[in-house]
Amino acid sequence: MKISNMAIKNVKGNLYRYIMYCLSNAFAVTAFFIFANFVFHPSIDFHPEGVHAV
């Protein structure tokens, strides 16, 4: 059995896991991007009480 055949068999057997892995990574990156946009957006001036600019 060739390595390429083993790789194809592995991908076919675990396709659901690969899809779930890619979707969870996409969700994590999207959530981080949205959070980072809120935190670093210049028009949002959020300073909790007691916190001063350093």
PDB file of N, CA and C in Angstrom:
ATOM      1  N   MET A   1       0.847  -1.173   0.000  1.00  0.00           N
ATOM      2  CA  MET A   1       0.000   0.000   0.000  1.00  0.00           C
ATOM      3  C   MET A   1       0.897   1.242   0.000  1.00  0.00           C
ATOM      4  N   LYS A   2       0.595   2.158  -0.885  1.00  0.00           N
ATOM      5  CA  LYS A   2       1.376   3.379  -0.996  1.00  0.00           C
ATOM      6  C   LYS A   2       0.956   4.378   0.080  1.00  0.00           C
ATOM      7  N   ILE A   3       1.846   5.301   0.330  1.00  0.00           N
ATOM      8  CA  ILE A   3       1.555   6.337   1.328  1.00  0.00           C
ATOM      9  C   ILE A   3       0.391   7.208   0.873  1.00  0.00           C
ATOM     10  N   SER A   4       0.315   7.490  -0.424  1.00  0.00           N
ATOM     11  CA  SER A   4      -0.790   8.319  -0.917  1.00  0.00           C
ATOM     12  C   SER A   4      -2.133   7.623  -0.713  1.00  0.00           C
ATOM     13  N   ASN A   5      -2.177   6.316  -0.896  1.00  0.00           N
ATOM     14  CA  ASN A   5      -3.420   5.573  -0.655  1.00  0.00           C
ATOM     15  C   ASN A   5      -3.796   5.603   0.823  1.00  0.00           C
ATOM     16  N   MET A   6      -2.795   5.488   1.687  1.00  0.00           N
ATOM     17  CA  MET A   6      -3.068   5.554   3.121  1.00  0.00           C
ATOM     18  C   MET A   6      -3.588   6.932   3.517  1.00  0.00           C
ATOM     19  N   ALA A   7      -3.015   7.971   2.932  1.00  0.00           N
ATOM     20  CA  ALA A   7      -3.449   9.331   3.249  1.00  0.00           C
ATOM     21  C   ALA A   7      -4.886   9.562   2.792  1.00  0.00           C
ATOM     22  N   ILE A   8      -5.222   9.102   1.602  1.00  0.00           N
ATOM     23  CA  ILE A   8      -6.586   9.265   1.086  1.00  0.00           C
ATOM     24  C   ILE A   8      -7.575   8.497   1.947  1.00  0.00           C
ATOM     25  N   LYS A   9      -7.216   7.289   2.340  1.00  0.00           N
ATOM     26  CA  LYS A   9      -8.086   6.486   3.199  1.00  0.00           C
ATOM     27  C   LYS A   9      -8.285   7.163   4.557  1.00  0.00           C
ATOM     28  N   ASN A  10      -7.234   7.750   5.084  1.00  0.00           N
ATOM     29  CA  ASN A  10      -7.312   8.452   6.359  1.00  0.00           C
ATOM     30  C   ASN A  10      -8.231   9.667   6.259  1.00  0.00           C
ATOM     31  N   VAL A  11      -8.105  10.440   5.190  1.00  0.00           N
ATOM     32  CA  VAL A  11      -8.952  11.623   5.015  1.00  0.00           C
ATOM     33  C   VAL A  11     -10.408  11.217   4.844  1.00  0.00           C
ATOM     34  N   LYS A  12     -10.657  10.194   4.064  1.00  0.00           N
ATOM     35  CA  LYS A  12     -12.037   9.741   3.866  1.00  0.00           C
ATOM     36  C   LYS A  12     -12.645   9.229   5.165  1.00  0.00           C
ATOM     37  N   GLY A  13     -11.858   8.542   5.962  1.00  0.00           N
ATOM     38  CA  GLY A  13     -12.365   7.984   7.209  1.00  0.00           C
ATOM     39  C   GLY A  13     -12.612   9.023   8.283  1.00  0.00           C
ATOM     40  N   ASN A  14     -11.872  10.123   8.233  1.00  0.00           N
ATOM     41  CA  ASN A  14     -11.980  11.154   9.262  1.00  0.00           C
ATOM     42  C   ASN A  14     -12.492  12.473   8.706  1.00  0.00           C
ATOM     43  N   LEU A  15     -13.224  12.442   7.624  1.00  0.00           N
ATOM     44  CA  LEU A  15     -13.682  13.668   6.978  1.00  0.00           C
ATOM     45  C   LEU A  15     -14.522  14.515   7.918  1.00  0.00           C
ATOM     46  N   TYR A  16     -15.400  13.892   8.677  1.00  0.00           N
ATOM     47  CA  TYR A  16     -16.255  14.635   9.607  1.00  0.00           C
ATOM     48  C   TYR A  16     -15.401  15.382  10.637  1.00  0.00           C
ATOM     49  N   ARG A  17     -14.373  14.738  11.143  1.00  0.00           N
ATOM     50  CA  ARG A  17     -13.502  15.390  12.131  1.00  0.00           C
ATOM     51  C   ARG A  17     -12.743  16.553  11.516  1.00  0.00           C
ATOM     52  N   TYR A  18     -12.275  16.411  10.288  1.00  0.00           N
ATOM     53  CA  TYR A  18     -11.570  17.499   9.620  1.00  0.00           C
ATOM     54  C   TYR A  18     -12.495  18.689   9.387  1.00  0.00           C
ATOM     55  N   ILE A  19     -13.723  18.419   8.987  1.00  0.00           N
ATOM     56  CA  ILE A  19     -14.686  19.501   8.757  1.00  0.00           C
ATOM     57  C   ILE A  19     -14.992  20.224  10.062  1.00  0.00           C
ATOM     58  N   MET A  20     -15.225  19.472  11.142  1.00  0.00           N
ATOM     59  CA  MET A  20     -15.509  20.092  12.441  1.00  0.00           C
ATOM     60  C   MET A  20     -14.307  20.894  12.940  1.00  0.00           C
ATOM     61  N   TYR A  21     -13.110  20.405  12.700  1.00  0.00           N
ATOM     62  CA  TYR A  21     -11.897  21.121  13.092  1.00  0.00           C
ATOM     63  C   TYR A  21     -11.797  22.451  12.347  1.00  0.00           C
ATOM     64  N   CYS A  22     -12.030  22.432  11.055  1.00  0.00           N
ATOM     65  CA  CYS A  22     -11.956  23.660  10.258  1.00  0.00           C
ATOM     66  C   CYS A  22     -13.044  24.649  10.662  1.00  0.00           C
ATOM     67  N   LEU A  23     -14.245  24.157  10.904  1.00  0.00           N
ATOM     68  CA  LEU A  23     -15.331  25.046  11.318  1.00  0.00           C
ATOM     69  C   LEU A  23     -15.069  25.653  12.694  1.00  0.00           C
ATOM     70  N   SER A  24     -14.555  24.883  13.616  1.00  0.00           N
ATOM     71  CA  SER A  24     -14.269  25.427  14.945  1.00  0.00           C
ATOM     72  C   SER A  24     -13.134  26.446  14.887  1.00  0.00           C
ATOM     73  N   ASN A  25     -12.145  26.206  14.040  1.00  0.00           N
ATOM     74  CA  ASN A  25     -11.083  27.195  13.864  1.00  0.00           C
ATOM     75  C   ASN A  25     -11.621  28.474  13.243  1.00  0.00           C
ATOM     76  N   ALA A  26     -12.484  28.351  12.253  1.00  0.00           N
ATOM     77  CA  ALA A  26     -13.074  29.532  11.627  1.00  0.00           C
ATOM     78  C   ALA A  26     -13.902  30.321  12.640  1.00  0.00           C
ATOM     79  N   PHE A  27     -14.653  29.629  13.484  1.00  0.00           N
ATOM     80  CA  PHE A  27     -15.445  30.309  14.509  1.00  0.00           C
ATOM     81  C   PHE A  27     -14.545  31.026  15.511  1.00  0.00           C
ATOM     82  N   ALA A  28     -13.463  30.394  15.937  1.00  0.00           N
ATOM     83  CA  ALA A  28     -12.554  31.010  16.905  1.00  0.00           C
ATOM     84  C   ALA A  28     -11.885  32.253  16.322  1.00  0.00           C
ATOM     85  N   VAL A  29     -11.459  32.182  15.082  1.00  0.00           N
ATOM     86  CA  VAL A  29     -10.826  33.332  14.437  1.00  0.00           C
ATOM     87  C   VAL A  29     -11.833  34.462  14.270  1.00  0.00           C
ATOM     88  N   THR A  30     -13.063  34.132  13.892  1.00  0.00           N
ATOM     89  CA  THR A  30     -14.105  35.145  13.735  1.00  0.00           C
ATOM     90  C   THR A  30     -14.415  35.818  15.062  1.00  0.00           C
ATOM     91  N   ALA A  31     -14.556  35.037  16.123  1.00  0.00           N
ATOM     92  CA  ALA A  31     -14.841  35.602  17.445  1.00  0.00           C
ATOM     93  C   ALA A  31     -13.694  36.501  17.903  1.00  0.00           C
ATOM     94  N   PHE A  32     -12.458  36.079  17.693  1.00  0.00           N
ATOM     95  CA  PHE A  32     -11.317  36.906  18.072  1.00  0.00           C
ATOM     96  C   PHE A  32     -11.278  38.194  17.263  1.00  0.00           C
ATOM     97  N   PHE A  33     -11.553  38.119  15.973  1.00  0.00           N
ATOM     98  CA  PHE A  33     -11.545  39.302  15.119  1.00  0.00           C
ATOM     99  C   PHE A  33     -12.590  40.310  15.578  1.00  0.00           C
ATOM    100  N   ILE A  34     -13.796  39.841  15.887  1.00  0.00           N
ATOM    101  CA  ILE A  34     -14.856  40.735  16.351  1.00  0.00           C
ATOM    102  C   ILE A  34     -14.459  41.365  17.684  1.00  0.00           C
ATOM    103  N   PHE A  35     -13.949  40.562  18.611  1.00  0.00           N
ATOM    104  CA  PHE A  35     -13.522  41.076  19.908  1.00  0.00           C
ATOM    105  C   PHE A  35     -12.411  42.108  19.748  1.00  0.00           C
ATOM    106  N   ALA A  36     -11.419  41.817  18.924  1.00  0.00           N
ATOM    107  CA  ALA A  36     -10.304  42.739  18.720  1.00  0.00           C
ATOM    108  C   ALA A  36     -10.778  44.040  18.088  1.00  0.00           C
ATOM    109  N   ASN A  37     -11.741  43.978  17.188  1.00  0.00           N
ATOM    110  CA  ASN A  37     -12.271  45.203  16.597  1.00  0.00           C
ATOM    111  C   ASN A  37     -12.962  46.067  17.639  1.00  0.00           C
ATOM    112  N   PHE A  38     -13.696  45.453  18.550  1.00  0.00           N
ATOM    113  CA  PHE A  38     -14.340  46.226  19.609  1.00  0.00           C
ATOM    114  C   PHE A  38     -13.310  46.826  20.560  1.00  0.00           C
ATOM    115  N   VAL A  39     -12.294  46.079  20.895  1.00  0.00           N
ATOM    116  CA  VAL A  39     -11.310  46.558  21.864  1.00  0.00           C
ATOM    117  C   VAL A  39     -10.461  47.684  21.287  1.00  0.00           C
ATOM    118  N   PHE A  40     -10.028  47.560  20.054  1.00  0.00           N
ATOM    119  CA  PHE A  40      -9.076  48.507  19.491  1.00  0.00           C
ATOM    120  C   PHE A  40      -9.699  49.570  18.598  1.00  0.00           C
ATOM    121  N   HIS A  41     -11.010  49.648  18.528  1.00  0.00           N
ATOM    122  CA  HIS A  41     -11.640  50.667  17.694  1.00  0.00           C
ATOM    123  C   HIS A  41     -11.468  52.026  18.354  1.00  0.00           C
ATOM    124  N   PRO A  42     -11.019  53.041  17.600  1.00  0.00           N
ATOM    125  CA  PRO A  42     -10.725  54.338  18.225  1.00  0.00           C
ATOM    126  C   PRO A  42     -11.968  55.089  18.719  1.00  0.00           C
ATOM    127  N   SER A  43     -13.119  54.837  18.156  1.00  0.00           N
ATOM    128  CA  SER A  43     -14.300  55.593  18.580  1.00  0.00           C
ATOM    129  C   SER A  43     -14.934  55.032  19.843  1.00  0.00           C
ATOM    130  N   ILE A  44     -14.508  53.865  20.280  1.00  0.00           N
ATOM    131  CA  ILE A  44     -15.024  53.286  21.520  1.00  0.00           C
ATOM    132  C   ILE A  44     -14.061  53.680  22.633  1.00  0.00           C
ATOM    133  N   ASP A  45     -14.544  54.535  23.520  1.00  0.00           N
ATOM    134  CA  ASP A  45     -13.709  55.041  24.605  1.00  0.00           C
ATOM    135  C   ASP A  45     -14.235  54.472  25.907  1.00  0.00           C
ATOM    136  N   PHE A  46     -13.872  53.244  26.198  1.00  0.00           N
ATOM    137  CA  PHE A  46     -14.360  52.556  27.389  1.00  0.00           C
ATOM    138  C   PHE A  46     -13.249  52.495  28.423  1.00  0.00           C
ATOM    139  N   HIS A  47     -13.468  53.181  29.529  1.00  0.00           N
ATOM    140  CA  HIS A  47     -12.523  53.142  30.641  1.00  0.00           C
ATOM    141  C   HIS A  47     -13.308  52.869  31.908  1.00  0.00           C
ATOM    142  N   PRO A  48     -13.142  51.704  32.505  1.00  0.00           N
ATOM    143  CA  PRO A  48     -13.833  51.422  33.765  1.00  0.00           C
ATOM    144  C   PRO A  48     -13.381  52.385  34.862  1.00  0.00           C
ATOM    145  N   GLU A  49     -14.208  52.534  35.878  1.00  0.00           N
ATOM    146  CA  GLU A  49     -13.869  53.441  36.972  1.00  0.00           C
ATOM    147  C   GLU A  49     -12.581  52.977  37.649  1.00  0.00           C
ATOM    148  N   GLY A  50     -11.733  53.925  37.958  1.00  0.00           N
ATOM    149  CA  GLY A  50     -10.486  53.603  38.628  1.00  0.00           C
ATOM    150  C   GLY A  50      -9.341  53.279  37.685  1.00  0.00           C
ATOM    151  N   VAL A  51      -9.615  53.186  36.412  1.00  0.00           N
ATOM    152  CA  VAL A  51      -8.560  52.891  35.448  1.00  0.00           C
ATOM    153  C   VAL A  51      -8.206  54.183  34.724  1.00  0.00           C
ATOM    154  N   HIS A  52      -6.943  54.520  34.746  1.00  0.00           N
ATOM    155  CA  HIS A  52      -6.481  55.743  34.093  1.00  0.00           C
ATOM    156  C   HIS A  52      -5.463  55.378  33.024  1.00  0.00           C
ATOM    157  N   ALA A  53      -5.318  56.269  32.066  1.00  0.00           N
ATOM    158  CA  ALA A  53      -4.342  56.033  31.006  1.00  0.00           C
ATOM    159  C   ALA A  53      -2.945  56.001  31.600  1.00  0.00           C
ATOM    160  N   VAL A  54      -2.157  55.086  31.147  1.00  0.00           N
ATOM    161  CA  VAL A  54      -0.801  54.932  31.690  1.00  0.00           C
ATOM    162  C   VAL A  54       0.146  55.762  30.875  1.00  0.00           C
TER     163      VAL A  54
END
